[in-house]
């Protein structure tokens, strides 16, 4: 019965995580469409300090869609392992890229299409090999987990590293080194995910009629989550303001997901009972998603299609321009020309020899 219940919760968490990616990815498109409509009307743009978007229903639809996605993502942590939910967040980038090509006329080049395919394949592999975390169904059990020596050491290191980066390294190198602010967001994000996981358990207990609000851990988790999320938003915005988004996004995804996987492995012992093939599958899926996200972002401004490949000119191009030849056809023509030239030279040489011409020698 417990195994069946665990599988049922896993499926619910998976559906919620995927729904979250769809809502969040779609929210960017709705907001962008709303802002473009305002620009066509001549309203002051948001980048110039205008707030006309507050009167645009498409922008509000995008905001509500993002809110629904965040709620679904929050709920997913209560049912599925963080090792599964966090990497699936990359699908929101994929959804946004695909919808942009349809509704915003933003071209998705060959690298982007390959990146989308790799992200889907990597996510599928991670779902198949996702670990099963230890059952934590009450706040008392969560409190016991948080008091584990391994997690206490990990959390202490995260706080110390974050304070050093914020107080010492950030003021000196934050404007020039992209890793400083992103690392702050990422390592603190690992703690915020743990808080979300605990609050998800608290909400499940609240619906079950238990006196959750009287438990001090509920308020500690809520306060910790507020501090962590505020810090994340602050330093992520700094990174986005200074550096290129196409560079910040994949780096942040990699470091943040790695931090969450590490924290989840220590707190919930997700990797303790995994078989070797599941461990390899999980890491392979994660690395595949990383490569896909990198291709999607790093080369998004490169105009590269199948037509640019040296050995794959499309049929319609060849039909439109009869003078274009494939490399293979050109190679055949060169061979035929060389053969004809060789025959002509041989004939001339033989003729010269027959006529006694010295030039043949």
Foldseek 3Di string as FASTA:
>chain_A
DVVVLLVVLAVLLVVLLLLLLLLLLVLVVLLVVLQVVCVVVVFDHVVNPDDCSVVGVSNVSSVVSNVSSVVSLLLSLQRHFPLLNLLSNLSSVLNNVVVCVVRVVQDQAPLLVLLSVLLVVLSVLCSVLPFRFDDDQALVSLVVLCPDPLLVVLVVVLVVLLCCLVPPVCVPCVLPDLCSLLLNLQLLLLLLSSLSNSLSSLVVVVVVVDPSVVDVVNVVSVVSNVVSVVSNVVSLVVSVVRDPPLVSVLVSSVSNSVNNVVSSCSRGVRPVPGDPVSVVSSVVSSVSNSSSSNSNRVCSVPRDHQCPDQQCHDPVVCVVPVVDDHPVVVVVVVVVVVVVVVVVLVVVLVVCVVVVHPVSD
